[in-house]
Amino acid sequence: MKIRRNDIVVVLRGRDQGKQGKVLQVLVEERRAVVEGVNLVTKHLRKSQDNPKGGIIKKEAPLAVANLKLFCAACKKGVRVARVLEGAKRVRKCKGCGQVFDS
């Protein structure tokens, strides 16, 4: 998968189309990612010791990785990514400008 934790991504589809955010978690087997501030859902909490009053909160739900593109700071947009060998290390590069995402 070409998207990793702490990457900045752009949402391509859905109600949050065009929004940018940082990847908080990647669910590899489900091919989904949780992005900060994107795809917020309302969750009702039951009373518990941790949360004695209960309540309603907003939290991020996972998005399909197919609906995300990596954000390139040089191109200032979501870009396709190539995985290439540089020396003995495999890195991700922007297909537009060639910027390396892994340092």
C-alpha atoms as a PDB file:
ATOM      1  CA  MET A   1       0.000   0.000   0.000  1.00  0.00           C
ATOM      2  CA  LYS A   2       1.367   3.419  -0.946  1.00  0.00           C
ATOM      3  CA  ILE A   3      -0.196   5.367   1.942  1.00  0.00           C
ATOM      4  CA  ARG A   4       1.394   5.245   5.387  1.00  0.00           C
ATOM      5  CA  ARG A   5       0.826   6.700   8.837  1.00  0.00           C
ATOM      6  CA  ASN A   6       1.614  10.459   9.200  1.00  0.00           C
ATOM      7  CA  ASP A   7       1.282  11.082   5.430  1.00  0.00           C
ATOM      8  CA  ILE A   8      -0.725  14.098   4.278  1.00  0.00           C
ATOM      9  CA  VAL A   9      -3.476  12.952   1.898  1.00  0.00           C
ATOM     10  CA  VAL A  10      -6.269  14.484  -0.206  1.00  0.00           C
ATOM     11  CA  VAL A  11      -9.765  12.938  -0.324  1.00  0.00           C
ATOM     12  CA  LEU A  12     -10.965  12.237  -3.888  1.00  0.00           C
ATOM     13  CA  ARG A  13     -14.558  11.040  -3.339  1.00  0.00           C
ATOM     14  CA  GLY A  14     -17.438  11.416  -0.929  1.00  0.00           C
ATOM     15  CA  ARG A  15     -18.833  14.240   1.158  1.00  0.00           C
ATOM     16  CA  ASP A  16     -15.323  15.313   2.247  1.00  0.00           C
ATOM     17  CA  GLN A  17     -13.981  15.535  -1.314  1.00  0.00           C
ATOM     18  CA  GLY A  18     -11.039  17.947  -1.607  1.00  0.00           C
ATOM     19  CA  LYS A  19     -10.202  17.972   2.114  1.00  0.00           C
ATOM     20  CA  GLN A  20      -6.659  17.335   3.304  1.00  0.00           C
ATOM     21  CA  GLY A  21      -5.595  15.587   6.464  1.00  0.00           C
ATOM     22  CA  LYS A  22      -2.931  13.558   8.207  1.00  0.00           C
ATOM     23  CA  VAL A  23      -3.256   9.752   8.227  1.00  0.00           C
ATOM     24  CA  LEU A  24      -3.714   8.604  11.831  1.00  0.00           C
ATOM     25  CA  GLN A  25      -4.017   4.873  11.196  1.00  0.00           C
ATOM     26  CA  VAL A  26      -3.822   2.453   8.267  1.00  0.00           C
ATOM     27  CA  LEU A  27      -5.933  -0.723   8.291  1.00  0.00           C
ATOM     28  CA  VAL A  28      -3.972  -2.821   5.781  1.00  0.00           C
ATOM     29  CA  GLU A  29      -6.183  -5.925   5.613  1.00  0.00           C
ATOM     30  CA  GLU A  30      -9.322  -3.804   5.097  1.00  0.00           C
ATOM     31  CA  ARG A  31      -7.501  -1.403   2.690  1.00  0.00           C
ATOM     32  CA  ARG A  32      -8.757   1.582   4.679  1.00  0.00           C
ATOM     33  CA  ALA A  33      -7.200   4.575   6.447  1.00  0.00           C
ATOM     34  CA  VAL A  34      -8.316   6.905   9.234  1.00  0.00           C
ATOM     35  CA  VAL A  35      -7.633  10.559   8.327  1.00  0.00           C
ATOM     36  CA  GLU A  36      -7.585  13.392  10.878  1.00  0.00           C
ATOM     37  CA  GLY A  37     -10.652  15.668  10.618  1.00  0.00           C
ATOM     38  CA  VAL A  38     -12.180  13.774   7.679  1.00  0.00           C
ATOM     39  CA  ASN A  39     -15.215  11.438   7.507  1.00  0.00           C
ATOM     40  CA  LEU A  40     -16.505  12.407  10.946  1.00  0.00           C
ATOM     41  CA  VAL A  41     -19.336  10.260  12.310  1.00  0.00           C
ATOM     42  CA  THR A  42     -21.529  10.717  15.374  1.00  0.00           C
ATOM     43  CA  LYS A  43     -20.971   8.115  18.078  1.00  0.00           C
ATOM     44  CA  HIS A  44     -23.293   7.662  21.051  1.00  0.00           C
ATOM     45  CA  LEU A  45     -21.461   6.661  24.231  1.00  0.00           C
ATOM     46  CA  ARG A  46     -23.020   4.566  26.965  1.00  0.00           C
ATOM     47  CA  LYS A  47     -22.417   5.510  30.604  1.00  0.00           C
ATOM     48  CA  SER A  48     -19.295   3.853  32.018  1.00  0.00           C
ATOM     49  CA  GLN A  49     -16.592   4.420  34.615  1.00  0.00           C
ATOM     50  CA  ASP A  50     -14.447   6.201  32.028  1.00  0.00           C
ATOM     51  CA  ASN A  51     -17.389   8.297  30.850  1.00  0.00           C
ATOM     52  CA  PRO A  52     -19.884   8.632  33.735  1.00  0.00           C
ATOM     53  CA  LYS A  53     -22.301  10.933  31.879  1.00  0.00           C
ATOM     54  CA  GLY A  54     -22.324   9.140  28.528  1.00  0.00           C
ATOM     55  CA  GLY A  55     -22.942  11.456  25.591  1.00  0.00           C
ATOM     56  CA  ILE A  56     -22.476  12.017  21.891  1.00  0.00           C
ATOM     57  CA  ILE A  57     -19.063  12.520  20.260  1.00  0.00           C
ATOM     58  CA  LYS A  58     -17.734  13.038  16.743  1.00  0.00           C
ATOM     59  CA  LYS A  59     -14.904  10.736  15.632  1.00  0.00           C
ATOM     60  CA  GLU A  60     -13.088   9.838  12.428  1.00  0.00           C
ATOM     61  CA  ALA A  61     -14.227   6.715  10.570  1.00  0.00           C
ATOM     62  CA  PRO A  62     -11.999   4.797   8.117  1.00  0.00           C
ATOM     63  CA  LEU A  63     -11.988   5.711   4.413  1.00  0.00           C
ATOM     64  CA  ALA A  64     -11.117   3.444   1.490  1.00  0.00           C
ATOM     65  CA  VAL A  65      -7.506   3.959   0.396  1.00  0.00           C
ATOM     66  CA  ALA A  66      -8.713   4.057  -3.224  1.00  0.00           C
ATOM     67  CA  ASN A  67     -10.397   7.387  -2.393  1.00  0.00           C
ATOM     68  CA  LEU A  68      -7.163   9.013  -1.162  1.00  0.00           C
ATOM     69  CA  LYS A  69      -4.132  10.492  -2.920  1.00  0.00           C
ATOM     70  CA  LEU A  70      -0.824  11.461  -1.363  1.00  0.00           C
ATOM     71  CA  PHE A  71      -0.341  15.251  -1.155  1.00  0.00           C
ATOM     72  CA  CYS A  72       2.847  16.576  -2.777  1.00  0.00           C
ATOM     73  CA  ALA A  73       4.079  19.861  -1.280  1.00  0.00           C
ATOM     74  CA  ALA A  74       6.012  20.744  -4.443  1.00  0.00           C
ATOM     75  CA  CYS A  75       3.063  20.140  -6.815  1.00  0.00           C
ATOM     76  CA  LYS A  76       0.514  21.500  -4.262  1.00  0.00           C
ATOM     77  CA  LYS A  77      -1.993  18.731  -5.109  1.00  0.00           C
ATOM     78  CA  GLY A  78      -2.766  15.049  -4.703  1.00  0.00           C
ATOM     79  CA  VAL A  79      -0.406  12.960  -6.842  1.00  0.00           C
ATOM     80  CA  ARG A  80       0.199   9.418  -8.025  1.00  0.00           C
ATOM     81  CA  VAL A  81       3.140   7.680  -6.431  1.00  0.00           C
ATOM     82  CA  ALA A  82       5.853   5.433  -7.879  1.00  0.00           C
ATOM     83  CA  ARG A  83       7.891   3.029  -5.761  1.00  0.00           C
ATOM     84  CA  VAL A  84      11.491   3.024  -6.992  1.00  0.00           C
ATOM     85  CA  LEU A  85      14.818   1.680  -5.780  1.00  0.00           C
ATOM     86  CA  GLU A  86      17.360   4.293  -4.702  1.00  0.00           C
ATOM     87  CA  GLY A  87      20.498   2.451  -3.739  1.00  0.00           C
ATOM     88  CA  ALA A  88      19.408  -0.442  -1.540  1.00  0.00           C
ATOM     89  CA  LYS A  89      16.268   1.324  -0.304  1.00  0.00           C
ATOM     90  CA  ARG A  90      12.801   1.403  -1.903  1.00  0.00           C
ATOM     91  CA  VAL A  91      11.285   4.902  -1.745  1.00  0.00           C
ATOM     92  CA  ARG A  92       8.072   6.590  -2.873  1.00  0.00           C
ATOM     93  CA  LYS A  93       8.373   9.334  -5.500  1.00  0.00           C
ATOM     94  CA  CYS A  94       5.892  11.813  -6.918  1.00  0.00           C
ATOM     95  CA  LYS A  95       5.124  10.917 -10.538  1.00  0.00           C
ATOM     96  CA  GLY A  96       4.770  14.606 -11.414  1.00  0.00           C
ATOM     97  CA  CYS A  97       7.883  16.274 -10.021  1.00  0.00           C
ATOM     98  CA  GLY A  98       9.965  13.361  -8.697  1.00  0.00           C
ATOM     99  CA  GLN A  99       9.995  14.515  -5.058  1.00  0.00           C
ATOM    100  CA  VAL A 100      10.895  11.706  -2.630  1.00  0.00           C
ATOM    101  CA  PHE A 101       8.393  11.161   0.213  1.00  0.00           C
ATOM    102  CA  ASP A 102      10.535   8.792   2.318  1.00  0.00           C
ATOM    103  CA  SER A 103      13.693  10.240   3.786  1.00  0.00           C
END
